[in-house]
Amino acid sequence: GLAVMLRKHIGCVVLEAKNPTEALDILEKQDVCLVITDL
């Protein structure tokens, strides 16, 4: 739901990860400028 809102209002690419391990794997492979993470 948040990804849809960000794509609509910010005009950016939104990648998704379900946990920190998956997030780190994405960060190693792709260029990202901002991370929004749950605790």
PDB file of all heavy atoms in Angstrom:
ATOM      1  N   GLY A   1       0.819  -1.212   0.000  1.00  0.00           N
ATOM      2  CA  GLY A   1       0.000   0.000   0.000  1.00  0.00           C
ATOM      3  C   GLY A   1       0.853   1.262   0.000  1.00  0.00           C
ATOM      4  O   GLY A   1       0.589   2.215  -0.749  1.00  0.00           O
ATOM      5  N   LEU A   2       1.897   1.282   0.827  1.00  0.00           N
ATOM      6  CA  LEU A   2       2.793   2.438   0.858  1.00  0.00           C
ATOM      7  C   LEU A   2       3.573   2.561  -0.441  1.00  0.00           C
ATOM      8  O   LEU A   2       3.790   3.673  -0.942  1.00  0.00           O
ATOM      9  CB  LEU A   2       3.748   2.327   2.052  1.00  0.00           C
ATOM     10  CG  LEU A   2       4.748   3.479   2.220  1.00  0.00           C
ATOM     11  CD1 LEU A   2       4.034   4.817   2.330  1.00  0.00           C
ATOM     12  CD2 LEU A   2       5.634   3.249   3.446  1.00  0.00           C
ATOM     13  N   ALA A   3       3.991   1.442  -0.998  1.00  0.00           N
ATOM     14  CA  ALA A   3       4.743   1.467  -2.263  1.00  0.00           C
ATOM     15  C   ALA A   3       3.914   2.126  -3.362  1.00  0.00           C
ATOM     16  O   ALA A   3       4.440   2.928  -4.155  1.00  0.00           O
ATOM     17  CB  ALA A   3       5.139   0.046  -2.662  1.00  0.00           C
ATOM     18  N   VAL A   4       2.627   1.802  -3.425  1.00  0.00           N
ATOM     19  CA  VAL A   4       1.738   2.403  -4.431  1.00  0.00           C
ATOM     20  C   VAL A   4       1.677   3.919  -4.254  1.00  0.00           C
ATOM     21  O   VAL A   4       1.762   4.687  -5.216  1.00  0.00           O
ATOM     22  CB  VAL A   4       0.326   1.790  -4.343  1.00  0.00           C
ATOM     23  CG1 VAL A   4      -0.661   2.592  -5.186  1.00  0.00           C
ATOM     24  CG2 VAL A   4       0.344   0.340  -4.802  1.00  0.00           C
ATOM     25  N   MET A   5       1.546   4.382  -3.006  1.00  0.00           N
ATOM     26  CA  MET A   5       1.456   5.821  -2.730  1.00  0.00           C
ATOM     27  C   MET A   5       2.749   6.543  -3.101  1.00  0.00           C
ATOM     28  O   MET A   5       2.727   7.647  -3.656  1.00  0.00           O
ATOM     29  CB  MET A   5       1.140   6.046  -1.253  1.00  0.00           C
ATOM     30  CG  MET A   5      -0.229   5.546  -0.815  1.00  0.00           C
ATOM     31  SD  MET A   5      -1.577   6.374  -1.695  1.00  0.00           S
ATOM     32  CE  MET A   5      -1.418   8.046  -1.065  1.00  0.00           C
ATOM     33  N   LEU A   6       3.889   5.922  -2.809  1.00  0.00           N
ATOM     34  CA  LEU A   6       5.167   6.560  -3.116  1.00  0.00           C
ATOM     35  C   LEU A   6       5.393   6.649  -4.617  1.00  0.00           C
ATOM     36  O   LEU A   6       5.884   7.661  -5.122  1.00  0.00           O
ATOM     37  CB  LEU A   6       6.314   5.796  -2.448  1.00  0.00           C
ATOM     38  CG  LEU A   6       6.333   5.813  -0.915  1.00  0.00           C
ATOM     39  CD1 LEU A   6       7.515   5.009  -0.394  1.00  0.00           C
ATOM     40  CD2 LEU A   6       6.382   7.234  -0.377  1.00  0.00           C
ATOM     41  N   ARG A   7       5.044   5.591  -5.340  1.00  0.00           N
ATOM     42  CA  ARG A   7       5.194   5.641  -6.799  1.00  0.00           C
ATOM     43  C   ARG A   7       4.304   6.731  -7.394  1.00  0.00           C
ATOM     44  O   ARG A   7       4.700   7.426  -8.336  1.00  0.00           O
ATOM     45  CB  ARG A   7       4.833   4.280  -7.409  1.00  0.00           C
ATOM     46  CG  ARG A   7       5.799   3.156  -7.063  1.00  0.00           C
ATOM     47  CD  ARG A   7       5.449   1.872  -7.809  1.00  0.00           C
ATOM     48  NE  ARG A   7       6.288   0.759  -7.369  1.00  0.00           N
ATOM     49  CZ  ARG A   7       5.859  -0.244  -6.594  1.00  0.00           C
ATOM     50  NH1 ARG A   7       4.590  -0.280  -6.193  1.00  0.00           N
ATOM     51  NH2 ARG A   7       6.686  -1.203  -6.231  1.00  0.00           N
ATOM     52  N   LYS A   8       3.136   6.897  -6.833  1.00  0.00           N
ATOM     53  CA  LYS A   8       2.171   7.858  -7.363  1.00  0.00           C
ATOM     54  C   LYS A   8       2.589   9.296  -7.071  1.00  0.00           C
ATOM     55  O   LYS A   8       2.544  10.163  -7.946  1.00  0.00           O
ATOM     56  CB  LYS A   8       0.788   7.579  -6.770  1.00  0.00           C
ATOM     57  CG  LYS A   8      -0.280   8.583  -7.194  1.00  0.00           C
ATOM     58  CD  LYS A   8      -1.628   8.246  -6.562  1.00  0.00           C
ATOM     59  CE  LYS A   8      -2.687   9.273  -6.956  1.00  0.00           C
ATOM     60  NZ  LYS A   8      -4.000   8.980  -6.304  1.00  0.00           N
ATOM     61  N   HIS A   9       2.999   9.569  -5.829  1.00  0.00           N
ATOM     62  CA  HIS A   9       3.225  10.957  -5.401  1.00  0.00           C
ATOM     63  C   HIS A   9       4.685  11.411  -5.497  1.00  0.00           C
ATOM     64  O   HIS A   9       4.948  12.605  -5.576  1.00  0.00           O
ATOM     65  CB  HIS A   9       2.729  11.143  -3.963  1.00  0.00           C
ATOM     66  CG  HIS A   9       1.253  11.014  -3.812  1.00  0.00           C
ATOM     67  ND1 HIS A   9       0.383  12.010  -4.179  1.00  0.00           N
ATOM     68  CD2 HIS A   9       0.486   9.987  -3.347  1.00  0.00           C
ATOM     69  CE1 HIS A   9      -0.870  11.616  -3.938  1.00  0.00           C
ATOM     70  NE2 HIS A   9      -0.831  10.397  -3.440  1.00  0.00           N
ATOM     71  N   ILE A  10       5.623  10.470  -5.469  1.00  0.00           N
ATOM     72  CA  ILE A  10       7.037  10.843  -5.545  1.00  0.00           C
ATOM     73  C   ILE A  10       7.582  10.641  -6.948  1.00  0.00           C
ATOM     74  O   ILE A  10       8.489  11.337  -7.385  1.00  0.00           O
ATOM     75  CB  ILE A  10       7.877  10.024  -4.537  1.00  0.00           C
ATOM     76  CG1 ILE A  10       7.375  10.265  -3.107  1.00  0.00           C
ATOM     77  CG2 ILE A  10       9.353  10.393  -4.624  1.00  0.00           C
ATOM     78  CD1 ILE A  10       7.580  11.671  -2.596  1.00  0.00           C
ATOM     79  N   GLY A  11       7.030   9.688  -7.675  1.00  0.00           N
ATOM     80  CA  GLY A  11       7.519   9.413  -9.017  1.00  0.00           C
ATOM     81  C   GLY A  11       8.853   8.705  -9.003  1.00  0.00           C
ATOM     82  O   GLY A  11       9.801   9.141  -9.664  1.00  0.00           O
ATOM     83  N   CYS A  12       8.948   7.636  -8.226  1.00  0.00           N
ATOM     84  CA  CYS A  12      10.222   6.947  -8.062  1.00  0.00           C
ATOM     85  C   CYS A  12      10.031   5.438  -8.215  1.00  0.00           C
ATOM     86  O   CYS A  12       8.917   4.931  -8.243  1.00  0.00           O
ATOM     87  CB  CYS A  12      10.805   7.249  -6.684  1.00  0.00           C
ATOM     88  SG  CYS A  12       9.685   6.789  -5.343  1.00  0.00           S
ATOM     89  N   VAL A  13      11.145   4.725  -8.310  1.00  0.00           N
ATOM     90  CA  VAL A  13      11.126   3.266  -8.311  1.00  0.00           C
ATOM     91  C   VAL A  13      11.101   2.800  -6.858  1.00  0.00           C
ATOM     92  O   VAL A  13      11.919   3.238  -6.049  1.00  0.00           O
ATOM     93  CB  VAL A  13      12.368   2.709  -9.030  1.00  0.00           C
ATOM     94  CG1 VAL A  13      12.421   1.188  -8.902  1.00  0.00           C
ATOM     95  CG2 VAL A  13      12.375   3.134 -10.483  1.00  0.00           C
ATOM     96  N   VAL A  14      10.171   1.928  -6.511  1.00  0.00           N
ATOM     97  CA  VAL A  14      10.085   1.413  -5.142  1.00  0.00           C
ATOM     98  C   VAL A  14      10.359  -0.088  -5.160  1.00  0.00           C
ATOM     99  O   VAL A  14       9.613  -0.871  -5.753  1.00  0.00           O
ATOM    100  CB  VAL A  14       8.710   1.678  -4.509  1.00  0.00           C
ATOM    101  CG1 VAL A  14       8.683   1.150  -3.074  1.00  0.00           C
ATOM    102  CG2 VAL A  14       8.403   3.167  -4.514  1.00  0.00           C
ATOM    103  N   LEU A  15      11.461  -0.487  -4.528  1.00  0.00           N
ATOM    104  CA  LEU A  15      11.798  -1.897  -4.365  1.00  0.00           C
ATOM    105  C   LEU A  15      11.278  -2.357  -3.009  1.00  0.00           C
ATOM    106  O   LEU A  15      11.183  -1.557  -2.070  1.00  0.00           O
ATOM    107  CB  LEU A  15      13.308  -2.088  -4.449  1.00  0.00           C
ATOM    108  CG  LEU A  15      13.989  -1.487  -5.686  1.00  0.00           C
ATOM    109  CD1 LEU A  15      15.496  -1.600  -5.566  1.00  0.00           C
ATOM    110  CD2 LEU A  15      13.499  -2.171  -6.959  1.00  0.00           C
ATOM    111  N   GLU A  16      10.959  -3.630  -2.893  1.00  0.00           N
ATOM    112  CA  GLU A  16      10.365  -4.128  -1.649  1.00  0.00           C
ATOM    113  C   GLU A  16      11.153  -5.311  -1.094  1.00  0.00           C
ATOM    114  O   GLU A  16      11.665  -6.142  -1.853  1.00  0.00           O
ATOM    115  CB  GLU A  16       8.907  -4.534  -1.888  1.00  0.00           C
ATOM    116  CG  GLU A  16       8.024  -3.391  -2.350  1.00  0.00           C
ATOM    117  CD  GLU A  16       6.591  -3.852  -2.585  1.00  0.00           C
ATOM    118  OE1 GLU A  16       6.080  -4.649  -1.757  1.00  0.00           O
ATOM    119  OE2 GLU A  16       5.987  -3.433  -3.600  1.00  0.00           O
ATOM    120  N   ALA A  17      11.256  -5.352   0.239  1.00  0.00           N
ATOM    121  CA  ALA A  17      11.886  -6.474   0.932  1.00  0.00           C
ATOM    122  C   ALA A  17      11.071  -6.771   2.177  1.00  0.00           C
ATOM    123  O   ALA A  17      10.561  -5.867   2.835  1.00  0.00           O
ATOM    124  CB  ALA A  17      13.327  -6.145   1.305  1.00  0.00           C
ATOM    125  N   LYS A  18      10.981  -8.074   2.512  1.00  0.00           N
ATOM    126  CA  LYS A  18      10.154  -8.461   3.659  1.00  0.00           C
ATOM    127  C   LYS A  18      10.943  -8.582   4.957  1.00  0.00           C
ATOM    128  O   LYS A  18      10.364  -8.739   6.024  1.00  0.00           O
ATOM    129  CB  LYS A  18       9.409  -9.766   3.363  1.00  0.00           C
ATOM    130  CG  LYS A  18      10.284 -10.975   3.078  1.00  0.00           C
ATOM    131  CD  LYS A  18       9.407 -12.191   2.833  1.00  0.00           C
ATOM    132  CE  LYS A  18      10.234 -13.436   2.495  1.00  0.00           C
ATOM    133  NZ  LYS A  18      10.906 -13.330   1.196  1.00  0.00           N
ATOM    134  N   ASN A  19      12.294  -8.506   4.871  1.00  0.00           N
ATOM    135  CA  ASN A  19      13.114  -8.576   6.083  1.00  0.00           C
ATOM    136  C   ASN A  19      14.492  -7.953   5.813  1.00  0.00           C
ATOM    137  O   ASN A  19      14.861  -7.739   4.655  1.00  0.00           O
ATOM    138  CB  ASN A  19      13.258 -10.029   6.560  1.00  0.00           C
ATOM    139  CG  ASN A  19      13.848 -10.925   5.482  1.00  0.00           C
ATOM    140  OD1 ASN A  19      14.917 -10.671   4.937  1.00  0.00           O
ATOM    141  ND2 ASN A  19      13.118 -12.012   5.158  1.00  0.00           N
ATOM    142  N   PRO A  20      15.265  -7.657   6.868  1.00  0.00           N
ATOM    143  CA  PRO A  20      16.578  -7.022   6.686  1.00  0.00           C
ATOM    144  C   PRO A  20      17.550  -7.830   5.848  1.00  0.00           C
ATOM    145  O   PRO A  20      18.354  -7.264   5.099  1.00  0.00           O
ATOM    146  CB  PRO A  20      17.075  -6.860   8.124  1.00  0.00           C
ATOM    147  CG  PRO A  20      15.844  -6.747   8.942  1.00  0.00           C
ATOM    148  CD  PRO A  20      14.875  -7.688   8.297  1.00  0.00           C
ATOM    149  N   THR A  21      17.514  -9.164   5.958  1.00  0.00           N
ATOM    150  CA  THR A  21      18.427  -9.996   5.165  1.00  0.00           C
ATOM    151  C   THR A  21      18.176  -9.808   3.678  1.00  0.00           C
ATOM    152  O   THR A  21      19.110  -9.615   2.880  1.00  0.00           O
ATOM    153  CB  THR A  21      18.264 -11.483   5.537  1.00  0.00           C
ATOM    154  OG1 THR A  21      18.527 -11.643   6.938  1.00  0.00           O
ATOM    155  CG2 THR A  21      19.218 -12.348   4.737  1.00  0.00           C
ATOM    156  N   GLU A  22      16.920  -9.846   3.312  1.00  0.00           N
ATOM    157  CA  GLU A  22      16.550  -9.631   1.911  1.00  0.00           C
ATOM    158  C   GLU A  22      16.906  -8.207   1.474  1.00  0.00           C
ATOM    159  O   GLU A  22      17.344  -7.981   0.339  1.00  0.00           O
ATOM    160  CB  GLU A  22      15.046  -9.877   1.740  1.00  0.00           C
ATOM    161  CG  GLU A  22      14.576  -9.873   0.292  1.00  0.00           C
ATOM    162  CD  GLU A  22      13.114 -10.239   0.178  1.00  0.00           C
ATOM    163  OE1 GLU A  22      12.714 -11.264   0.785  1.00  0.00           O
ATOM    164  OE2 GLU A  22      12.371  -9.512  -0.516  1.00  0.00           O
ATOM    165  N   ALA A  23      16.759  -7.250   2.388  1.00  0.00           N
ATOM    166  CA  ALA A  23      17.077  -5.854   2.084  1.00  0.00           C
ATOM    167  C   ALA A  23      18.563  -5.685   1.776  1.00  0.00           C
ATOM    168  O   ALA A  23      18.937  -5.014   0.798  1.00  0.00           O
ATOM    169  CB  ALA A  23      16.680  -4.959   3.256  1.00  0.00           C
ATOM    170  N   LEU A  24      19.419  -6.300   2.589  1.00  0.00           N
ATOM    171  CA  LEU A  24      20.858  -6.193   2.367  1.00  0.00           C
ATOM    172  C   LEU A  24      21.261  -6.822   1.035  1.00  0.00           C
ATOM    173  O   LEU A  24      22.154  -6.315   0.341  1.00  0.00           O
ATOM    174  CB  LEU A  24      21.624  -6.847   3.511  1.00  0.00           C
ATOM    175  CG  LEU A  24      21.634  -6.071   4.832  1.00  0.00           C
ATOM    176  CD1 LEU A  24      22.216  -6.930   5.948  1.00  0.00           C
ATOM    177  CD2 LEU A  24      22.424  -4.769   4.686  1.00  0.00           C
ATOM    178  N   ASP A  25      20.606  -7.898   0.668  1.00  0.00           N
ATOM    179  CA  ASP A  25      20.894  -8.545  -0.607  1.00  0.00           C
ATOM    180  C   ASP A  25      20.558  -7.614  -1.766  1.00  0.00           C
ATOM    181  O   ASP A  25      21.303  -7.511  -2.749  1.00  0.00           O
ATOM    182  CB  ASP A  25      20.091  -9.844  -0.719  1.00  0.00           C
ATOM    183  CG  ASP A  25      20.454 -10.629  -1.972  1.00  0.00           C
ATOM    184  OD1 ASP A  25      21.646 -10.940  -2.150  1.00  0.00           O
ATOM    185  OD2 ASP A  25      19.547 -10.912  -2.770  1.00  0.00           O
ATOM    186  N   ILE A  26      19.437  -6.910  -1.663  1.00  0.00           N
ATOM    187  CA  ILE A  26      19.039  -5.961  -2.708  1.00  0.00           C
ATOM    188  C   ILE A  26      20.029  -4.798  -2.782  1.00  0.00           C
ATOM    189  O   ILE A  26      20.429  -4.364  -3.863  1.00  0.00           O
ATOM    190  CB  ILE A  26      17.606  -5.444  -2.453  1.00  0.00           C
ATOM    191  CG1 ILE A  26      16.592  -6.577  -2.641  1.00  0.00           C
ATOM    192  CG2 ILE A  26      17.269  -4.268  -3.361  1.00  0.00           C
ATOM    193  CD1 ILE A  26      15.176  -6.215  -2.261  1.00  0.00           C
ATOM    194  N   LEU A  27      20.444  -4.304  -1.604  1.00  0.00           N
ATOM    195  CA  LEU A  27      21.360  -3.165  -1.557  1.00  0.00           C
ATOM    196  C   LEU A  27      22.721  -3.496  -2.176  1.00  0.00           C
ATOM    197  O   LEU A  27      23.396  -2.619  -2.719  1.00  0.00           O
ATOM    198  CB  LEU A  27      21.551  -2.689  -0.114  1.00  0.00           C
ATOM    199  CG  LEU A  27      20.331  -2.054   0.554  1.00  0.00           C
ATOM    200  CD1 LEU A  27      20.622  -1.728   2.009  1.00  0.00           C
ATOM    201  CD2 LEU A  27      19.894  -0.799  -0.192  1.00  0.00           C
ATOM    202  N   GLU A  28      23.130  -4.760  -2.060  1.00  0.00           N
ATOM    203  CA  GLU A  28      24.405  -5.176  -2.652  1.00  0.00           C
ATOM    204  C   GLU A  28      24.336  -5.199  -4.173  1.00  0.00           C
ATOM    205  O   GLU A  28      25.353  -5.022  -4.852  1.00  0.00           O
ATOM    206  CB  GLU A  28      24.778  -6.580  -2.145  1.00  0.00           C
ATOM    207  CG  GLU A  28      25.132  -6.660  -0.670  1.00  0.00           C
ATOM    208  CD  GLU A  28      26.527  -6.105  -0.380  1.00  0.00           C
ATOM    209  OE1 GLU A  28      27.242  -5.753  -1.328  1.00  0.00           O
ATOM    210  OE2 GLU A  28      26.885  -6.026   0.809  1.00  0.00           O
ATOM    211  N   LYS A  29      23.144  -5.388  -4.724  1.00  0.00           N
ATOM    212  CA  LYS A  29      23.017  -5.594  -6.169  1.00  0.00           C
ATOM    213  C   LYS A  29      22.472  -4.384  -6.923  1.00  0.00           C
ATOM    214  O   LYS A  29      22.682  -4.263  -8.135  1.00  0.00           O
ATOM    215  CB  LYS A  29      22.093  -6.795  -6.442  1.00  0.00           C
ATOM    216  CG  LYS A  29      22.622  -8.112  -5.880  1.00  0.00           C
ATOM    217  CD  LYS A  29      21.607  -9.229  -6.076  1.00  0.00           C
ATOM    218  CE  LYS A  29      22.130 -10.555  -5.506  1.00  0.00           C
ATOM    219  NZ  LYS A  29      21.124 -11.648  -5.624  1.00  0.00           N
ATOM    220  N   GLN A  30      21.738  -3.496  -6.242  1.00  0.00           N
ATOM    221  CA  GLN A  30      21.068  -2.405  -6.951  1.00  0.00           C
ATOM    222  C   GLN A  30      21.384  -1.058  -6.313  1.00  0.00           C
ATOM    223  O   GLN A  30      21.685  -0.968  -5.125  1.00  0.00           O
ATOM    224  CB  GLN A  30      19.551  -2.634  -6.952  1.00  0.00           C
ATOM    225  CG  GLN A  30      19.140  -3.952  -7.603  1.00  0.00           C
ATOM    226  CD  GLN A  30      17.678  -3.961  -7.988  1.00  0.00           C
ATOM    227  OE1 GLN A  30      17.163  -2.990  -8.515  1.00  0.00           O
ATOM    228  NE2 GLN A  30      17.013  -5.071  -7.726  1.00  0.00           N
ATOM    229  N   ASP A  31      21.296  -0.023  -7.145  1.00  0.00           N
ATOM    230  CA  ASP A  31      21.510   1.347  -6.669  1.00  0.00           C
ATOM    231  C   ASP A  31      20.242   1.855  -6.003  1.00  0.00           C
ATOM    232  O   ASP A  31      19.179   1.925  -6.636  1.00  0.00           O
ATOM    233  CB  ASP A  31      21.879   2.273  -7.842  1.00  0.00           C
ATOM    234  CG  ASP A  31      23.244   1.958  -8.407  1.00  0.00           C
ATOM    235  OD1 ASP A  31      24.108   1.533  -7.631  1.00  0.00           O
ATOM    236  OD2 ASP A  31      23.441   2.146  -9.624  1.00  0.00           O
ATOM    237  N   VAL A  32      20.372   2.226  -4.752  1.00  0.00           N
ATOM    238  CA  VAL A  32      19.242   2.733  -3.971  1.00  0.00           C
ATOM    239  C   VAL A  32      19.706   3.993  -3.253  1.00  0.00           C
ATOM    240  O   VAL A  32      20.853   4.087  -2.812  1.00  0.00           O
ATOM    241  CB  VAL A  32      18.762   1.683  -2.939  1.00  0.00           C
ATOM    242  CG1 VAL A  32      17.669   2.259  -2.047  1.00  0.00           C
ATOM    243  CG2 VAL A  32      18.251   0.437  -3.658  1.00  0.00           C
ATOM    244  N   CYS A  33      18.818   4.980  -3.149  1.00  0.00           N
ATOM    245  CA  CYS A  33      19.214   6.211  -2.462  1.00  0.00           C
ATOM    246  C   CYS A  33      18.507   6.401  -1.133  1.00  0.00           C
ATOM    247  O   CYS A  33      18.925   7.218  -0.317  1.00  0.00           O
ATOM    248  CB  CYS A  33      18.982   7.428  -3.352  1.00  0.00           C
ATOM    249  SG  CYS A  33      17.270   7.675  -3.811  1.00  0.00           S
ATOM    250  N   LEU A  34      17.432   5.642  -0.874  1.00  0.00           N
ATOM    251  CA  LEU A  34      16.691   5.818   0.377  1.00  0.00           C
ATOM    252  C   LEU A  34      16.126   4.475   0.822  1.00  0.00           C
ATOM    253  O   LEU A  34      15.593   3.713   0.012  1.00  0.00           O
ATOM    254  CB  LEU A  34      15.550   6.821   0.180  1.00  0.00           C
ATOM    255  CG  LEU A  34      14.608   7.049   1.367  1.00  0.00           C
ATOM    256  CD1 LEU A  34      15.346   7.722   2.524  1.00  0.00           C
ATOM    257  CD2 LEU A  34      13.417   7.902   0.951  1.00  0.00           C
ATOM    258  N   VAL A  35      16.261   4.188   2.123  1.00  0.00           N
ATOM    259  CA  VAL A  35      15.687   2.976   2.708  1.00  0.00           C
ATOM    260  C   VAL A  35      14.654   3.379   3.758  1.00  0.00           C
ATOM    261  O   VAL A  35      14.940   4.202   4.634  1.00  0.00           O
ATOM    262  CB  VAL A  35      16.771   2.093   3.369  1.00  0.00           C
ATOM    263  CG1 VAL A  35      16.130   0.905   4.091  1.00  0.00           C
ATOM    264  CG2 VAL A  35      17.764   1.594   2.330  1.00  0.00           C
ATOM    265  N   ILE A  36      13.469   2.807   3.652  1.00  0.00           N
ATOM    266  CA  ILE A  36      12.432   2.972   4.676  1.00  0.00           C
ATOM    267  C   ILE A  36      12.229   1.601   5.304  1.00  0.00           C
ATOM    268  O   ILE A  36      11.834   0.653   4.619  1.00  0.00           O
ATOM    269  CB  ILE A  36      11.114   3.483   4.080  1.00  0.00           C
ATOM    270  CG1 ILE A  36      11.338   4.803   3.339  1.00  0.00           C
ATOM    271  CG2 ILE A  36      10.061   3.660   5.167  1.00  0.00           C
ATOM    272  CD1 ILE A  36      10.112   5.323   2.603  1.00  0.00           C
ATOM    273  N   THR A  37      12.512   1.492   6.589  1.00  0.00           N
ATOM    274  CA  THR A  37      12.458   0.174   7.215  1.00  0.00           C
ATOM    275  C   THR A  37      11.645   0.182   8.506  1.00  0.00           C
ATOM    276  O   THR A  37      11.643   1.162   9.260  1.00  0.00           O
ATOM    277  CB  THR A  37      13.874  -0.357   7.509  1.00  0.00           C
ATOM    278  OG1 THR A  37      13.775  -1.660   8.106  1.00  0.00           O
ATOM    279  CG2 THR A  37      14.633   0.561   8.439  1.00  0.00           C
ATOM    280  N   ASP A  38      10.962  -0.922   8.732  1.00  0.00           N
ATOM    281  CA  ASP A  38      10.256  -1.148   9.993  1.00  0.00           C
ATOM    282  C   ASP A  38      11.273  -1.608  11.040  1.00  0.00           C
ATOM    283  O   ASP A  38      12.375  -2.072  10.694  1.00  0.00           O
ATOM    284  CB  ASP A  38       9.187  -2.223   9.776  1.00  0.00           C
ATOM    285  CG  ASP A  38       8.366  -2.470  11.034  1.00  0.00           C
ATOM    286  OD1 ASP A  38       7.860  -1.491  11.593  1.00  0.00           O
ATOM    287  OD2 ASP A  38       8.270  -3.631  11.457  1.00  0.00           O
ATOM    288  N   LEU A  39      10.928  -1.515  12.317  1.00  0.00           N
ATOM    289  CA  LEU A  39      11.837  -1.960  13.378  1.00  0.00           C
ATOM    290  C   LEU A  39      11.824  -3.476  13.573  1.00  0.00           C
ATOM    291  O   LEU A  39      12.742  -4.043  14.157  1.00  0.00           O
ATOM    292  CB  LEU A  39      11.464  -1.282  14.706  1.00  0.00           C
ATOM    293  CG  LEU A  39      11.940   0.157  14.878  1.00  0.00           C
ATOM    294  CD1 LEU A  39      11.508   0.687  16.223  1.00  0.00           C
ATOM    295  CD2 LEU A  39      13.439   0.254  14.733  1.00  0.00           C
TER     296      LEU A  39
END
